[in-house]
Amino acid sequence: MFNIGALEFVVLAAVALIVFGPERLPELARDAARMLRTLRDVAQGARTQLNTELGPEFADFDLSSLNPRTAIKNALLGDEDFTSLNPRDSIQRALRGEDEPDRLSSTIDLSKPATPDPPADLPLGPGERPPIDPDAT
């Protein structure tokens, strides 16, 4: 979480010992532990209250989905799990000839000829109404 190594922890402990002194350091450590415990209890209480207020229909609601990074990943990638994808692994599989076929090419039927879309700017017949795009209005 804080990414503190053993050497950094020893340096921080030595600085704290020098700044606060050996008499006050155990008291400060107790106060810090008590504060962390209180913050953890407050966070758990808020999480519990949110779950009870939302009701049973949101019983499986995951609070980590509210993280912006997670929301963007789900919006861009959908429900598929891409956590195991590694570009280096896919390149190595392709070089060994083990690469999976492309999903898009497997859904295209190449035996049928492609039909071009009709031009969009055809003139309207008499009494014919123009098409309405509900998303554009």
N, C-alpha and C. Protein backbone atom coordinates (compact mmCIF):
# COMPACT_ATOMS: atom_id res chain seq x y z
N MET A 1 0.82 -1.19 0.00
CA MET A 1 0.00 0.00 0.00
C MET A 1 0.86 1.24 0.00
N PHE A 2 1.81 1.33 0.94
CA PHE A 2 2.67 2.51 1.00
C PHE A 2 3.99 2.27 0.29
N ASN A 3 4.27 1.02 -0.07
CA ASN A 3 5.49 0.65 -0.78
C ASN A 3 6.73 1.10 0.00
N ILE A 4 6.78 0.74 1.27
CA ILE A 4 7.91 1.07 2.13
C ILE A 4 8.73 -0.19 2.35
N GLY A 5 10.01 -0.11 2.02
CA GLY A 5 10.90 -1.24 2.20
C GLY A 5 11.43 -1.29 3.62
N ALA A 6 12.23 -2.31 3.90
CA ALA A 6 12.77 -2.49 5.25
C ALA A 6 13.73 -1.37 5.63
N LEU A 7 14.58 -0.96 4.70
CA LEU A 7 15.54 0.11 4.99
C LEU A 7 14.83 1.43 5.26
N GLU A 8 13.80 1.75 4.45
CA GLU A 8 13.05 2.99 4.67
C GLU A 8 12.34 2.96 6.02
N PHE A 9 11.82 1.80 6.40
CA PHE A 9 11.14 1.69 7.69
C PHE A 9 12.12 1.92 8.85
N VAL A 10 13.33 1.37 8.74
CA VAL A 10 14.33 1.57 9.78
C VAL A 10 14.72 3.04 9.88
N VAL A 11 14.87 3.71 8.73
CA VAL A 11 15.21 5.14 8.74
C VAL A 11 14.08 5.95 9.36
N LEU A 12 12.83 5.64 9.01
CA LEU A 12 11.69 6.36 9.61
C LEU A 12 11.62 6.14 11.12
N ALA A 13 11.87 4.92 11.56
CA ALA A 13 11.85 4.63 13.00
C ALA A 13 12.96 5.39 13.72
N ALA A 14 14.15 5.48 13.11
CA ALA A 14 15.25 6.20 13.73
C ALA A 14 14.95 7.70 13.82
N VAL A 15 14.38 8.26 12.76
CA VAL A 15 14.02 9.68 12.77
C VAL A 15 12.94 9.94 13.82
N ALA A 16 11.95 9.06 13.90
CA ALA A 16 10.88 9.23 14.90
C ALA A 16 11.45 9.14 16.30
N LEU A 17 12.41 8.25 16.52
CA LEU A 17 13.03 8.10 17.83
C LEU A 17 13.80 9.36 18.21
N ILE A 18 14.48 9.96 17.23
CA ILE A 18 15.24 11.18 17.49
C ILE A 18 14.31 12.36 17.73
N VAL A 19 13.28 12.50 16.91
CA VAL A 19 12.39 13.66 16.99
C VAL A 19 11.51 13.59 18.24
N PHE A 20 10.89 12.46 18.51
CA PHE A 20 9.93 12.38 19.61
C PHE A 20 10.56 11.90 20.92
N GLY A 21 11.65 11.21 20.84
CA GLY A 21 12.30 10.71 22.05
C GLY A 21 11.74 9.37 22.47
N PRO A 22 12.49 8.61 23.25
CA PRO A 22 12.06 7.27 23.65
C PRO A 22 10.90 7.29 24.65
N GLU A 23 10.66 8.41 25.32
CA GLU A 23 9.56 8.46 26.30
C GLU A 23 8.20 8.58 25.61
N ARG A 24 8.12 9.40 24.57
CA ARG A 24 6.83 9.66 23.92
C ARG A 24 6.53 8.72 22.76
N LEU A 25 7.51 8.01 22.25
CA LEU A 25 7.31 7.17 21.06
C LEU A 25 6.30 6.05 21.27
N PRO A 26 6.31 5.29 22.37
CA PRO A 26 5.28 4.25 22.55
C PRO A 26 3.87 4.83 22.64
N GLU A 27 3.74 5.99 23.27
CA GLU A 27 2.42 6.64 23.37
C GLU A 27 1.92 7.07 21.98
N LEU A 28 2.82 7.62 21.16
CA LEU A 28 2.43 8.02 19.80
C LEU A 28 2.08 6.81 18.95
N ALA A 29 2.79 5.71 19.12
CA ALA A 29 2.47 4.49 18.36
C ALA A 29 1.10 3.96 18.75
N ARG A 30 0.78 4.00 20.05
CA ARG A 30 -0.55 3.57 20.51
C ARG A 30 -1.64 4.46 19.94
N ASP A 31 -1.40 5.78 19.96
CA ASP A 31 -2.39 6.71 19.41
C ASP A 31 -2.60 6.50 17.91
N ALA A 32 -1.51 6.26 17.19
CA ALA A 32 -1.62 6.02 15.75
C ALA A 32 -2.40 4.73 15.47
N ALA A 33 -2.12 3.68 16.24
CA ALA A 33 -2.85 2.42 16.06
C ALA A 33 -4.32 2.59 16.38
N ARG A 34 -4.64 3.33 17.43
CA ARG A 34 -6.03 3.60 17.80
C ARG A 34 -6.74 4.39 16.71
N MET A 35 -6.04 5.38 16.14
CA MET A 35 -6.64 6.19 15.08
C MET A 35 -6.92 5.33 13.83
N LEU A 36 -5.98 4.47 13.45
CA LEU A 36 -6.19 3.60 12.31
C LEU A 36 -7.35 2.64 12.54
N ARG A 37 -7.45 2.10 13.75
CA ARG A 37 -8.55 1.21 14.09
C ARG A 37 -9.89 1.94 14.00
N THR A 38 -9.93 3.18 14.49
CA THR A 38 -11.15 3.98 14.43
C THR A 38 -11.54 4.28 12.99
N LEU A 39 -10.57 4.66 12.17
CA LEU A 39 -10.86 4.93 10.76
C LEU A 39 -11.36 3.68 10.04
N ARG A 40 -10.78 2.54 10.35
CA ARG A 40 -11.22 1.29 9.74
C ARG A 40 -12.65 0.96 10.16
N ASP A 41 -12.98 1.20 11.44
CA ASP A 41 -14.35 0.95 11.91
C ASP A 41 -15.35 1.90 11.26
N VAL A 42 -14.96 3.16 11.09
CA VAL A 42 -15.85 4.14 10.44
C VAL A 42 -16.10 3.73 8.99
N ALA A 43 -15.05 3.32 8.29
CA ALA A 43 -15.22 2.90 6.89
C ALA A 43 -16.10 1.66 6.79
N GLN A 44 -15.90 0.70 7.68
CA GLN A 44 -16.74 -0.51 7.67
C GLN A 44 -18.18 -0.18 8.00
N GLY A 45 -18.40 0.75 8.96
CA GLY A 45 -19.76 1.16 9.29
C GLY A 45 -20.45 1.86 8.15
N ALA A 46 -19.70 2.70 7.43
CA ALA A 46 -20.29 3.38 6.27
C ALA A 46 -20.64 2.38 5.18
N ARG A 47 -19.78 1.39 4.98
CA ARG A 47 -20.04 0.37 3.96
C ARG A 47 -21.28 -0.45 4.35
N THR A 48 -21.38 -0.81 5.62
CA THR A 48 -22.54 -1.57 6.10
C THR A 48 -23.82 -0.76 5.98
N GLN A 49 -23.76 0.52 6.36
CA GLN A 49 -24.94 1.37 6.26
C GLN A 49 -25.37 1.55 4.81
N LEU A 50 -24.42 1.70 3.90
CA LEU A 50 -24.76 1.84 2.48
C LEU A 50 -25.44 0.58 1.98
N ASN A 51 -24.93 -0.59 2.34
CA ASN A 51 -25.54 -1.85 1.90
C ASN A 51 -26.95 -2.01 2.46
N THR A 52 -27.20 -1.61 3.72
CA THR A 52 -28.53 -1.74 4.29
C THR A 52 -29.49 -0.72 3.69
N GLU A 53 -29.00 0.48 3.37
CA GLU A 53 -29.86 1.51 2.78
C GLU A 53 -30.24 1.17 1.34
N LEU A 54 -29.35 0.52 0.60
CA LEU A 54 -29.64 0.19 -0.79
C LEU A 54 -30.68 -0.92 -0.89
N GLY A 55 -30.74 -1.78 0.08
CA GLY A 55 -31.75 -2.83 0.08
C GLY A 55 -31.25 -4.13 -0.52
N PRO A 56 -32.13 -5.14 -0.55
CA PRO A 56 -31.71 -6.47 -1.00
C PRO A 56 -31.42 -6.54 -2.51
N GLU A 57 -31.99 -5.64 -3.30
CA GLU A 57 -31.75 -5.71 -4.74
C GLU A 57 -30.31 -5.33 -5.10
N PHE A 58 -29.61 -4.65 -4.19
CA PHE A 58 -28.21 -4.32 -4.41
C PHE A 58 -27.30 -5.10 -3.46
N ALA A 59 -27.71 -6.30 -3.09
CA ALA A 59 -26.93 -7.09 -2.15
C ALA A 59 -25.59 -7.50 -2.74
N ASP A 60 -25.54 -7.73 -4.05
CA ASP A 60 -24.29 -8.15 -4.67
C ASP A 60 -23.53 -6.97 -5.28
N PHE A 61 -23.88 -5.75 -4.88
CA PHE A 61 -23.24 -4.55 -5.39
C PHE A 61 -21.80 -4.47 -4.87
N ASP A 62 -20.86 -4.25 -5.77
CA ASP A 62 -19.45 -4.19 -5.41
C ASP A 62 -19.01 -2.73 -5.40
N LEU A 63 -18.55 -2.25 -4.24
CA LEU A 63 -18.13 -0.85 -4.12
C LEU A 63 -16.88 -0.56 -4.93
N SER A 64 -16.08 -1.56 -5.22
CA SER A 64 -14.88 -1.31 -6.02
C SER A 64 -15.23 -0.97 -7.47
N SER A 65 -16.46 -1.25 -7.89
CA SER A 65 -16.86 -0.88 -9.25
C SER A 65 -17.04 0.63 -9.38
N LEU A 66 -17.10 1.36 -8.26
CA LEU A 66 -17.21 2.81 -8.31
C LEU A 66 -15.86 3.48 -8.54
N ASN A 67 -14.79 2.72 -8.49
CA ASN A 67 -13.47 3.26 -8.78
C ASN A 67 -13.44 3.70 -10.24
N PRO A 68 -13.03 4.94 -10.53
CA PRO A 68 -13.05 5.42 -11.93
C PRO A 68 -12.22 4.54 -12.87
N ARG A 69 -11.10 4.04 -12.39
CA ARG A 69 -10.26 3.20 -13.25
C ARG A 69 -11.00 1.91 -13.62
N THR A 70 -11.70 1.32 -12.65
CA THR A 70 -12.46 0.10 -12.91
C THR A 70 -13.64 0.38 -13.84
N ALA A 71 -14.31 1.51 -13.64
CA ALA A 71 -15.45 1.86 -14.48
C ALA A 71 -15.03 2.06 -15.93
N ILE A 72 -13.90 2.72 -16.15
CA ILE A 72 -13.42 2.93 -17.51
C ILE A 72 -13.01 1.62 -18.15
N LYS A 73 -12.34 0.76 -17.38
CA LYS A 73 -11.92 -0.54 -17.91
C LYS A 73 -13.14 -1.37 -18.32
N ASN A 74 -14.18 -1.37 -17.48
CA ASN A 74 -15.39 -2.13 -17.81
C ASN A 74 -16.11 -1.54 -19.00
N ALA A 75 -16.11 -0.20 -19.13
CA ALA A 75 -16.79 0.43 -20.25
C ALA A 75 -16.06 0.15 -21.57
N LEU A 76 -14.74 0.14 -21.52
CA LEU A 76 -13.97 -0.08 -22.75
C LEU A 76 -13.87 -1.54 -23.12
N LEU A 77 -13.68 -2.41 -22.15
CA LEU A 77 -13.44 -3.82 -22.44
C LEU A 77 -14.67 -4.70 -22.27
N GLY A 78 -15.70 -4.18 -21.66
CA GLY A 78 -16.91 -4.96 -21.45
C GLY A 78 -16.74 -5.95 -20.31
N ASP A 79 -17.47 -7.04 -20.37
CA ASP A 79 -17.45 -8.03 -19.31
C ASP A 79 -16.33 -9.05 -19.47
N GLU A 80 -15.61 -9.00 -20.59
CA GLU A 80 -14.56 -9.98 -20.81
C GLU A 80 -13.39 -9.71 -19.89
N ASP A 81 -12.72 -10.76 -19.50
CA ASP A 81 -11.58 -10.63 -18.60
C ASP A 81 -10.30 -10.59 -19.42
N PHE A 82 -9.67 -9.42 -19.46
CA PHE A 82 -8.44 -9.25 -20.22
C PHE A 82 -7.24 -9.12 -19.30
N THR A 83 -7.37 -9.53 -18.03
CA THR A 83 -6.25 -9.36 -17.10
C THR A 83 -5.10 -10.30 -17.42
N SER A 84 -5.39 -11.41 -18.10
CA SER A 84 -4.33 -12.37 -18.38
C SER A 84 -3.62 -12.07 -19.70
N LEU A 85 -4.06 -11.05 -20.42
CA LEU A 85 -3.43 -10.73 -21.69
C LEU A 85 -2.12 -10.01 -21.45
N ASN A 86 -1.10 -10.47 -22.11
CA ASN A 86 0.21 -9.85 -22.04
C ASN A 86 0.72 -9.77 -23.47
N PRO A 87 1.09 -8.59 -23.97
CA PRO A 87 1.55 -8.50 -25.36
C PRO A 87 2.73 -9.41 -25.65
N ARG A 88 3.63 -9.56 -24.71
CA ARG A 88 4.79 -10.41 -24.94
C ARG A 88 4.36 -11.86 -25.13
N ASP A 89 3.38 -12.32 -24.32
CA ASP A 89 2.90 -13.70 -24.46
C ASP A 89 2.22 -13.92 -25.81
N SER A 90 1.41 -12.94 -26.25
CA SER A 90 0.71 -13.12 -27.53
C SER A 90 1.69 -13.10 -28.70
N ILE A 91 2.76 -12.31 -28.60
CA ILE A 91 3.77 -12.31 -29.66
C ILE A 91 4.50 -13.64 -29.70
N GLN A 92 4.84 -14.17 -28.53
CA GLN A 92 5.53 -15.46 -28.48
C GLN A 92 4.65 -16.58 -29.01
N ARG A 93 3.33 -16.54 -28.70
CA ARG A 93 2.42 -17.56 -29.24
C ARG A 93 2.32 -17.44 -30.75
N ALA A 94 2.30 -16.22 -31.26
CA ALA A 94 2.21 -16.02 -32.71
C ALA A 94 3.47 -16.53 -33.40
N LEU A 95 4.62 -16.30 -32.79
CA LEU A 95 5.87 -16.77 -33.39
C LEU A 95 5.96 -18.29 -33.39
N ARG A 96 5.37 -18.94 -32.39
CA ARG A 96 5.38 -20.41 -32.33
C ARG A 96 4.27 -21.00 -33.20
N GLY A 97 3.38 -20.17 -33.73
CA GLY A 97 2.29 -20.65 -34.55
C GLY A 97 1.09 -21.11 -33.75
N GLU A 98 1.01 -20.72 -32.49
CA GLU A 98 -0.10 -21.13 -31.62
C GLU A 98 -1.14 -20.04 -31.48
N ASP A 99 -1.06 -19.01 -32.30
CA ASP A 99 -1.96 -17.88 -32.15
C ASP A 99 -3.39 -18.30 -32.50
N GLU A 100 -4.34 -17.80 -31.73
CA GLU A 100 -5.74 -18.11 -31.96
C GLU A 100 -6.23 -17.36 -33.20
N PRO A 101 -7.20 -17.92 -33.94
CA PRO A 101 -7.73 -17.19 -35.09
C PRO A 101 -8.46 -15.94 -34.64
N ASP A 102 -8.47 -14.97 -35.48
CA ASP A 102 -9.11 -13.70 -35.17
C ASP A 102 -10.62 -13.91 -35.05
N ARG A 103 -11.20 -13.33 -34.00
CA ARG A 103 -12.65 -13.50 -33.77
C ARG A 103 -13.47 -12.86 -34.89
N LEU A 104 -13.01 -11.72 -35.40
CA LEU A 104 -13.76 -11.02 -36.43
C LEU A 104 -13.78 -11.81 -37.73
N SER A 105 -12.65 -12.38 -38.10
CA SER A 105 -12.60 -13.13 -39.35
C SER A 105 -13.43 -14.41 -39.27
N SER A 106 -13.62 -14.95 -38.08
CA SER A 106 -14.43 -16.16 -37.97
C SER A 106 -15.92 -15.86 -38.07
N THR A 107 -16.34 -14.61 -37.88
CA THR A 107 -17.75 -14.26 -37.97
C THR A 107 -18.15 -13.78 -39.35
N ILE A 108 -17.20 -13.49 -40.21
CA ILE A 108 -17.50 -13.00 -41.56
C ILE A 108 -17.63 -14.20 -42.49
N ASP A 109 -18.72 -14.21 -43.24
CA ASP A 109 -18.95 -15.28 -44.22
C ASP A 109 -18.43 -14.80 -45.57
N LEU A 110 -17.30 -15.35 -45.99
CA LEU A 110 -16.68 -14.91 -47.23
C LEU A 110 -17.28 -15.58 -48.46
N SER A 111 -18.18 -16.54 -48.28
CA SER A 111 -18.77 -17.22 -49.43
C SER A 111 -19.86 -16.38 -50.09
N LYS A 112 -20.44 -15.43 -49.37
CA LYS A 112 -21.48 -14.57 -49.93
C LYS A 112 -20.86 -13.28 -50.44
N PRO A 113 -21.32 -12.79 -51.58
CA PRO A 113 -20.79 -11.51 -52.06
C PRO A 113 -21.31 -10.35 -51.19
N ALA A 114 -20.51 -9.35 -51.06
CA ALA A 114 -20.90 -8.18 -50.26
C ALA A 114 -21.90 -7.35 -51.05
N THR A 115 -22.94 -6.90 -50.39
CA THR A 115 -23.93 -6.03 -51.04
C THR A 115 -23.70 -4.62 -50.56
N PRO A 116 -23.56 -3.69 -51.50
CA PRO A 116 -23.33 -2.30 -51.09
C PRO A 116 -24.60 -1.70 -50.48
N ASP A 117 -24.41 -0.78 -49.57
CA ASP A 117 -25.54 -0.08 -48.98
C ASP A 117 -26.13 0.87 -50.00
N PRO A 118 -27.46 1.03 -49.99
CA PRO A 118 -28.07 1.97 -50.94
C PRO A 118 -27.64 3.40 -50.59
N PRO A 119 -27.58 4.27 -51.57
CA PRO A 119 -27.20 5.65 -51.29
C PRO A 119 -28.21 6.31 -50.35
N ALA A 120 -27.72 7.12 -49.46
CA ALA A 120 -28.58 7.72 -48.44
C ALA A 120 -29.32 8.94 -48.95
N ASP A 121 -28.90 9.52 -50.04
CA ASP A 121 -29.51 10.77 -50.49
C ASP A 121 -30.44 10.57 -51.69
N LEU A 122 -31.27 9.52 -51.64
CA LEU A 122 -32.26 9.31 -52.70
C LEU A 122 -33.38 10.33 -52.55
N PRO A 123 -33.90 10.81 -53.67
CA PRO A 123 -35.02 11.77 -53.55
C PRO A 123 -36.27 11.07 -53.02
N LEU A 124 -37.04 11.81 -52.26
CA LEU A 124 -38.27 11.28 -51.69
C LEU A 124 -39.38 11.31 -52.72
N GLY A 125 -40.25 10.32 -52.64
CA GLY A 125 -41.39 10.27 -53.53
C GLY A 125 -42.46 11.25 -53.07
N PRO A 126 -43.49 11.49 -53.90
CA PRO A 126 -44.55 12.42 -53.51
C PRO A 126 -45.30 11.89 -52.29
N GLY A 127 -45.43 12.73 -51.27
CA GLY A 127 -46.13 12.38 -50.05
C GLY A 127 -45.31 11.54 -49.09
N GLU A 128 -44.08 11.24 -49.43
CA GLU A 128 -43.23 10.42 -48.58
C GLU A 128 -42.54 11.30 -47.54
N ARG A 129 -42.54 10.84 -46.30
CA ARG A 129 -41.92 11.61 -45.22
C ARG A 129 -40.45 11.23 -45.09
N PRO A 130 -39.60 12.17 -44.71
CA PRO A 130 -38.19 11.83 -44.51
C PRO A 130 -38.02 10.98 -43.25
N PRO A 131 -37.03 10.13 -43.24
CA PRO A 131 -36.82 9.31 -42.05
C PRO A 131 -36.39 10.18 -40.86
N ILE A 132 -36.80 9.76 -39.69
CA ILE A 132 -36.48 10.52 -38.46
C ILE A 132 -35.51 9.69 -37.64
N ASP A 133 -34.47 10.35 -37.22
CA ASP A 133 -33.50 9.71 -36.34
C ASP A 133 -33.80 10.16 -34.92
N PRO A 134 -34.36 9.29 -34.04
CA PRO A 134 -34.73 9.73 -32.69
C PRO A 134 -33.50 10.09 -31.85
N ASP A 135 -32.34 9.55 -32.18
CA ASP A 135 -31.15 9.89 -31.41
C ASP A 135 -30.63 11.28 -31.73
N ALA A 136 -30.97 11.79 -32.93
CA ALA A 136 -30.46 13.09 -33.34
C ALA A 136 -31.33 14.23 -32.85
N THR A 137 -32.53 13.92 -32.38
CA THR A 137 -33.41 15.01 -31.95
C THR A 137 -33.34 15.24 -30.49
